[in-house]
Amino acid sequence: MSNSVKLLATISRSEFLLPNLGSLIMGLAWGASPPLGLINGVVLVVLSFSIINLSSAIGAQANTLSDYELDLKDERKKELVQALDSFGHRRVKTIMILEFCLTLVLVSIFALISQNWILLPLWIVGISLGVAYCAPPLRLKSRSWVAPVSLVLVLAIFPVLYAFFTFTFEINMFFLISLGGLALTVYGVISPTELRDYFGDKAMQIKTLTVRLGLSRAALLGTILLSVGAVLTGTALFLEWFLNQQLWFTIFIPAIPMVVVLVLAKFRRLFSLSKRYETLDDEDCSVLEEKIVSLSSDNPKWIMLVTQAYSLLSIILLVSKFIF
């Protein structure tokens, strides 16, 4: 039983648990406001987090199933392929159906408790887009410019909106600015995963955005998006605290640029390697290819750093609402 759970956790990409928690915290921080009863608040948070994570698991499982043939040729995906083979393709599909039914029930109960019926269509659109992103016949991840838009919607916009609408119906302009910043940040910080997969995707003629742009331009785009996203998020937090006369909370905002600068140093290295790769003859590229893949494979650590910083600021924002 424990082995099956471990295999399913691998297939479901359990490493995304903390980023999902970050989405919940950000939506909670911008959406919640006093007064909020402790019991009611805990119930809403638990339900929202359960729905977000079950939805994420369904999307990850669909992605693992659809990418199986491609992952067979990627030595770095060996653990994922072995987990799927050991657990069984049919069992994963059965689990996905059960998870979908359970999540649908939870969403319906959630909408009924909160009397917020926008949560149901929001979840339906989000989960449909998540599956369409990776699964045929649409497989949006292979459709160039459509891929990053759908990915940002699935990973950032929908989860945060879901958590946000759990607590409020009112849209805050600064929240929208921060959400835009998060969207740019999310695609910027995960773009190295496409750089890592560039060589396999190109060989398989999968037209991702990175394949169309080329390595160096894709690395540059990731750098720009991550930088602009951090600026927007920091600006939204500053304006929120400034207008609420809580300026001293702004001393925490530099945590975001400090972390982003650390990550951008890695992006700069990726850009440099990519430029060199594009100017060499084919026979001289193998060493650089290995360096690019190796460096970009560290991306989960960079994602963790950035999401932790955003989560920290979101927690401070939430505290500032209830202390004063």
Protein backbone atom coordinates (compact mmCIF):
# COMPACT_ATOMS: atom_id res chain seq x y z
CA MET A 1 0.00 0.00 0.00
CA SER A 2 2.74 2.46 0.98
CA ASN A 3 4.67 1.66 -2.22
CA SER A 4 1.55 2.36 -4.32
CA VAL A 5 1.10 5.69 -2.56
CA LYS A 6 4.73 6.62 -3.29
CA LEU A 7 4.33 5.66 -6.95
CA LEU A 8 1.13 7.67 -7.26
CA ALA A 9 2.80 10.65 -5.57
CA THR A 10 5.60 10.49 -8.14
CA ILE A 11 3.13 10.30 -11.04
CA SER A 12 1.10 13.16 -9.53
CA ARG A 13 4.22 15.33 -9.15
CA SER A 14 3.89 15.87 -5.40
CA GLU A 15 6.70 18.44 -5.57
CA PHE A 16 4.07 20.94 -6.72
CA LEU A 17 2.37 20.78 -3.30
CA LEU A 18 4.23 23.83 -1.95
CA PRO A 19 3.67 26.00 -5.07
CA ASN A 20 -0.04 25.09 -4.79
CA LEU A 21 0.05 26.19 -1.18
CA GLY A 22 1.52 29.47 -2.42
CA SER A 23 -1.49 29.95 -4.73
CA LEU A 24 -3.85 29.36 -1.81
CA ILE A 25 -1.95 31.77 0.45
CA MET A 26 -1.91 34.51 -2.19
CA GLY A 27 -5.63 34.16 -2.92
CA LEU A 28 -6.37 34.06 0.81
CA ALA A 29 -4.18 37.09 1.54
CA TRP A 30 -5.88 39.30 -1.05
CA GLY A 31 -9.40 37.91 -0.61
CA ALA A 32 -9.81 37.47 3.14
CA SER A 33 -10.67 40.41 5.38
CA PRO A 34 -11.94 40.82 8.93
CA PRO A 35 -14.18 39.76 10.46
CA LEU A 36 -13.55 36.07 9.63
CA GLY A 37 -14.58 33.37 12.09
CA LEU A 38 -11.87 30.86 12.97
CA ILE A 39 -13.91 27.71 12.29
CA ASN A 40 -15.45 29.09 9.11
CA GLY A 41 -12.04 30.27 7.92
CA VAL A 42 -10.37 26.91 8.60
CA VAL A 43 -13.13 25.01 6.76
CA LEU A 44 -12.86 27.29 3.73
CA VAL A 45 -9.05 27.04 3.64
CA VAL A 46 -9.04 23.22 3.96
CA LEU A 47 -11.69 22.80 1.26
CA SER A 48 -9.99 25.25 -1.09
CA PHE A 49 -6.55 23.66 -0.63
CA SER A 50 -7.98 20.15 -1.15
CA ILE A 51 -9.69 21.20 -4.38
CA ILE A 52 -6.60 22.99 -5.72
CA ASN A 53 -4.33 20.01 -4.98
CA LEU A 54 -6.72 17.35 -6.31
CA SER A 55 -7.09 19.39 -9.51
CA SER A 56 -3.31 19.73 -9.76
CA ALA A 57 -2.92 15.96 -9.30
CA ILE A 58 -5.40 15.25 -12.11
CA GLY A 59 -3.51 17.57 -14.45
CA ALA A 60 -0.13 16.08 -13.51
CA GLN A 61 -1.40 12.52 -14.00
CA ALA A 62 -2.83 13.42 -17.41
CA ASN A 63 0.52 14.97 -18.34
CA THR A 64 2.45 11.88 -17.19
CA LEU A 65 0.21 9.61 -19.25
CA SER A 66 0.35 11.75 -22.40
CA ASP A 67 4.11 12.29 -22.25
CA TYR A 68 4.92 8.62 -21.65
CA GLU A 69 6.34 7.89 -25.13
CA LEU A 70 8.43 11.05 -25.07
CA ASP A 71 9.66 10.46 -21.51
CA LEU A 72 10.82 6.95 -22.45
CA LYS A 73 13.62 8.59 -24.44
CA ASP A 74 14.60 10.98 -21.67
CA GLU A 75 16.99 9.51 -19.11
CA ARG A 76 16.06 12.31 -16.66
CA LYS A 77 12.42 11.13 -16.64
CA LYS A 78 13.38 7.52 -15.85
CA GLU A 79 11.86 7.59 -12.34
CA LEU A 80 8.59 8.98 -13.68
CA VAL A 81 8.35 6.35 -16.41
CA GLN A 82 9.16 3.52 -14.01
CA ALA A 83 6.56 4.76 -11.52
CA LEU A 84 3.89 4.80 -14.23
CA ASP A 85 4.83 1.32 -15.45
CA SER A 86 4.83 -0.07 -11.91
CA PHE A 87 1.55 1.53 -10.88
CA GLY A 88 -0.17 0.77 -14.18
CA HIS A 89 -1.60 3.05 -16.87
CA ARG A 90 -5.15 1.77 -16.41
CA ARG A 91 -5.02 2.23 -12.63
CA VAL A 92 -3.92 5.85 -13.08
CA LYS A 93 -6.89 6.50 -15.37
CA THR A 94 -9.22 4.96 -12.80
CA ILE A 95 -7.69 7.11 -10.05
CA MET A 96 -8.17 10.19 -12.22
CA ILE A 97 -11.89 9.45 -12.66
CA LEU A 98 -12.31 8.94 -8.90
CA GLU A 99 -10.40 12.15 -8.16
CA PHE A 100 -12.52 14.06 -10.65
CA CYS A 101 -15.76 12.83 -9.06
CA LEU A 102 -14.51 13.56 -5.54
CA THR A 103 -13.34 17.06 -6.51
CA LEU A 104 -16.65 17.79 -8.27
CA VAL A 105 -18.50 16.86 -5.07
CA LEU A 106 -16.18 19.04 -2.96
CA VAL A 107 -16.54 22.00 -5.33
CA SER A 108 -20.34 21.67 -5.28
CA ILE A 109 -20.37 21.51 -1.46
CA PHE A 110 -17.97 24.43 -1.33
CA ALA A 111 -20.12 26.56 -3.64
CA LEU A 112 -23.21 25.69 -1.58
CA ILE A 113 -21.57 26.57 1.75
CA SER A 114 -20.15 29.86 0.51
CA GLN A 115 -23.15 30.66 -1.71
CA ASN A 116 -20.61 31.56 -4.39
CA TRP A 117 -21.64 29.68 -7.52
CA ILE A 118 -18.87 31.16 -9.65
CA LEU A 119 -16.57 28.57 -8.03
CA LEU A 120 -18.17 25.68 -9.93
CA PRO A 121 -17.77 27.01 -13.51
CA LEU A 122 -14.35 28.40 -12.57
CA TRP A 123 -13.22 24.93 -11.51
CA ILE A 124 -14.76 23.23 -14.57
CA VAL A 125 -13.00 25.60 -16.97
CA GLY A 126 -9.72 25.30 -15.04
CA ILE A 127 -9.66 21.49 -14.88
CA SER A 128 -10.71 21.20 -18.54
CA LEU A 129 -7.93 23.55 -19.60
CA GLY A 130 -5.44 21.67 -17.42
CA VAL A 131 -6.21 18.35 -19.11
CA ALA A 132 -6.40 19.93 -22.59
CA TYR A 133 -2.95 21.44 -22.02
CA CYS A 134 -1.24 18.06 -22.05
CA ALA A 135 -3.68 15.46 -23.41
CA PRO A 136 -4.70 14.79 -27.02
CA PRO A 137 -6.45 15.75 -29.19
CA LEU A 138 -5.83 19.43 -28.28
CA ARG A 139 -2.48 19.03 -26.45
CA LEU A 140 -2.08 22.79 -26.07
CA LYS A 141 1.47 22.45 -24.75
CA SER A 142 2.68 21.73 -28.27
CA ARG A 143 0.92 24.72 -29.82
CA SER A 144 3.55 27.43 -29.57
CA TRP A 145 2.05 30.70 -28.28
CA VAL A 146 -1.10 29.02 -26.97
CA ALA A 147 0.99 26.86 -24.62
CA PRO A 148 2.36 29.59 -22.28
CA VAL A 149 -1.03 31.30 -22.03
CA SER A 150 -2.84 28.08 -21.11
CA LEU A 151 -0.03 27.07 -18.73
CA VAL A 152 -0.15 30.39 -16.86
CA LEU A 153 -3.93 30.15 -16.60
CA VAL A 154 -3.72 26.64 -15.15
CA LEU A 155 -0.76 27.16 -12.80
CA ALA A 156 -1.36 30.72 -11.60
CA ILE A 157 -4.56 32.49 -12.59
CA PHE A 158 -7.23 29.87 -11.88
CA PRO A 159 -5.84 28.54 -8.55
CA VAL A 160 -5.36 32.04 -7.13
CA LEU A 161 -8.75 33.23 -8.38
CA TYR A 162 -10.36 30.16 -6.87
CA ALA A 163 -8.83 30.85 -3.47
CA PHE A 164 -9.61 34.57 -3.80
CA PHE A 165 -13.31 34.05 -4.61
CA THR A 166 -13.54 31.71 -1.65
CA PHE A 167 -13.49 34.76 0.61
CA THR A 168 -14.79 37.70 -1.39
CA PHE A 169 -16.74 38.84 -4.45
CA GLU A 170 -15.01 42.23 -4.66
CA ILE A 171 -12.13 42.71 -7.11
CA ASN A 172 -9.24 44.80 -5.81
CA MET A 173 -7.22 46.65 -8.48
CA PHE A 174 -3.99 45.98 -6.61
CA PHE A 175 -4.89 42.30 -6.48
CA LEU A 176 -5.23 42.29 -10.28
CA ILE A 177 -1.80 43.92 -10.59
CA SER A 178 -0.28 41.31 -8.28
CA LEU A 179 -2.05 38.52 -10.17
CA GLY A 180 -0.60 39.81 -13.43
CA GLY A 181 2.81 39.91 -11.76
CA LEU A 182 2.38 36.35 -10.55
CA ALA A 183 1.35 35.17 -14.01
CA LEU A 184 4.48 36.65 -15.60
CA THR A 185 6.64 35.34 -12.76
CA VAL A 186 5.26 31.82 -13.04
CA TYR A 187 5.97 31.45 -16.73
CA GLY A 188 9.32 33.21 -16.35
CA VAL A 189 10.53 30.93 -13.56
CA ILE A 190 9.34 27.69 -15.20
CA SER A 191 10.65 28.57 -18.67
CA PRO A 192 13.96 26.72 -18.03
CA THR A 193 11.97 23.46 -18.03
CA GLU A 194 11.29 24.10 -21.71
CA LEU A 195 14.96 24.88 -22.23
CA ARG A 196 15.77 21.53 -20.63
CA ASP A 197 13.30 19.77 -22.93
CA TYR A 198 14.26 21.80 -26.02
CA PHE A 199 16.50 19.18 -27.60
CA GLY A 200 14.01 16.32 -27.18
CA ASP A 201 11.07 18.46 -28.27
CA LYS A 202 12.91 19.63 -31.36
CA ALA A 203 13.90 16.08 -32.29
CA MET A 204 10.26 14.97 -31.90
CA GLN A 205 9.10 18.04 -33.89
CA ILE A 206 7.02 19.33 -30.95
CA LYS A 207 6.54 23.03 -31.65
CA THR A 208 6.79 24.52 -28.17
CA LEU A 209 7.35 28.25 -27.79
CA THR A 210 11.02 27.61 -26.93
CA VAL A 211 11.51 25.52 -30.09
CA ARG A 212 10.03 28.33 -32.20
CA LEU A 213 11.99 31.11 -30.50
CA GLY A 214 15.27 29.28 -30.12
CA LEU A 215 17.27 28.76 -26.96
CA SER A 216 18.76 32.22 -26.39
CA ARG A 217 15.59 34.19 -27.13
CA ALA A 218 13.58 31.84 -24.91
CA ALA A 219 16.08 32.34 -22.08
CA LEU A 220 15.91 36.11 -22.58
CA LEU A 221 12.10 36.01 -22.55
CA GLY A 222 12.13 34.11 -19.26
CA THR A 223 14.48 36.72 -17.77
CA ILE A 224 12.22 39.60 -18.85
CA LEU A 225 9.01 37.96 -17.62
CA LEU A 226 10.49 37.07 -14.23
CA SER A 227 11.82 40.61 -13.77
CA VAL A 228 8.62 42.40 -14.82
CA GLY A 229 6.51 40.01 -12.75
CA ALA A 230 8.53 40.80 -9.62
CA VAL A 231 8.19 44.55 -10.26
CA LEU A 232 4.40 44.30 -10.66
CA THR A 233 3.99 42.18 -7.53
CA GLY A 234 6.18 44.47 -5.44
CA THR A 235 4.33 47.53 -6.75
CA ALA A 236 0.92 46.05 -5.89
CA LEU A 237 2.02 45.29 -2.33
CA PHE A 238 3.56 48.73 -1.90
CA LEU A 239 0.42 50.52 -3.08
CA GLU A 240 -1.81 48.33 -0.90
CA TRP A 241 0.19 49.11 2.25
CA PHE A 242 0.78 52.75 1.29
CA LEU A 243 -2.91 53.56 0.81
CA ASN A 244 -3.80 51.72 4.03
CA GLN A 245 -1.17 53.74 5.92
CA GLN A 246 0.86 50.62 6.76
CA LEU A 247 4.10 51.78 5.18
CA TRP A 248 6.36 49.96 7.61
CA PHE A 249 5.22 46.63 6.09
CA THR A 250 6.96 47.68 2.86
CA ILE A 251 10.32 46.84 4.47
CA PHE A 252 9.57 43.20 3.59
CA ILE A 253 9.10 43.86 -0.15
CA PRO A 254 12.87 43.64 -0.97
CA ALA A 255 12.64 39.91 -0.21
CA ILE A 256 11.17 39.44 -3.69
CA PRO A 257 13.91 41.24 -5.71
CA MET A 258 16.62 39.64 -3.56
CA VAL A 259 15.41 36.15 -4.45
CA VAL A 260 14.69 37.05 -8.07
CA VAL A 261 18.21 38.43 -8.54
CA LEU A 262 19.65 35.12 -7.32
CA VAL A 263 17.54 33.23 -9.85
CA LEU A 264 18.31 35.70 -12.65
CA ALA A 265 22.01 34.94 -12.20
CA LYS A 266 21.21 31.36 -13.26
CA PHE A 267 19.11 32.66 -16.16
CA ARG A 268 22.03 34.79 -17.29
CA ARG A 269 24.24 31.69 -17.32
CA LEU A 270 21.60 29.83 -19.36
CA PHE A 271 21.40 32.72 -21.83
CA SER A 272 25.19 32.76 -22.21
CA LEU A 273 25.35 29.00 -22.81
CA SER A 274 22.46 29.21 -25.28
CA LYS A 275 24.12 31.96 -27.31
CA ARG A 276 27.32 29.93 -27.51
CA TYR A 277 25.37 26.81 -28.51
CA GLU A 278 23.68 28.64 -31.38
CA THR A 279 26.97 29.83 -32.84
CA LEU A 280 28.78 26.48 -32.84
CA ASP A 281 28.82 23.77 -35.48
CA ASP A 282 26.69 20.68 -34.77
CA GLU A 283 29.66 18.50 -33.94
CA ASP A 284 30.81 20.94 -31.22
CA CYS A 285 27.45 21.30 -29.49
CA SER A 286 27.19 18.12 -27.42
CA VAL A 287 29.11 19.45 -24.37
CA LEU A 288 27.14 22.69 -24.34
CA GLU A 289 23.89 20.78 -24.72
CA GLU A 290 24.75 18.73 -21.65
CA LYS A 291 25.60 21.90 -19.68
CA ILE A 292 22.31 23.57 -20.67
CA VAL A 293 20.28 20.49 -19.70
CA SER A 294 22.17 20.08 -16.43
CA LEU A 295 21.80 23.72 -15.39
CA SER A 296 18.13 24.00 -16.35
CA SER A 297 17.40 20.77 -14.46
CA ASP A 298 18.05 22.72 -11.24
CA ASN A 299 14.97 24.79 -12.02
CA PRO A 300 12.74 23.19 -9.30
CA LYS A 301 15.05 24.79 -6.71
CA TRP A 302 14.57 28.19 -8.36
CA ILE A 303 10.81 27.72 -8.46
CA MET A 304 10.86 26.88 -4.76
CA LEU A 305 12.87 30.00 -3.92
CA VAL A 306 10.57 32.33 -5.81
CA THR A 307 7.31 30.77 -4.60
CA GLN A 308 8.57 30.85 -0.99
CA ALA A 309 9.29 34.57 -1.30
CA TYR A 310 5.86 35.28 -2.80
CA SER A 311 4.20 33.15 -0.11
CA LEU A 312 6.07 34.98 2.65
CA LEU A 313 4.90 38.37 1.39
CA SER A 314 1.35 37.05 1.04
CA ILE A 315 1.39 35.87 4.66
CA ILE A 316 2.62 39.29 5.79
CA LEU A 317 -0.16 40.94 3.75
CA LEU A 318 -2.73 38.68 5.43
CA VAL A 319 -1.32 39.46 8.89
CA SER A 320 -1.41 43.20 8.15
CA LYS A 321 -5.15 42.99 7.45
CA PHE A 322 -6.02 41.34 10.74
CA ILE A 323 -3.58 43.06 13.10
CA PHE A 324 -4.59 46.61 12.24
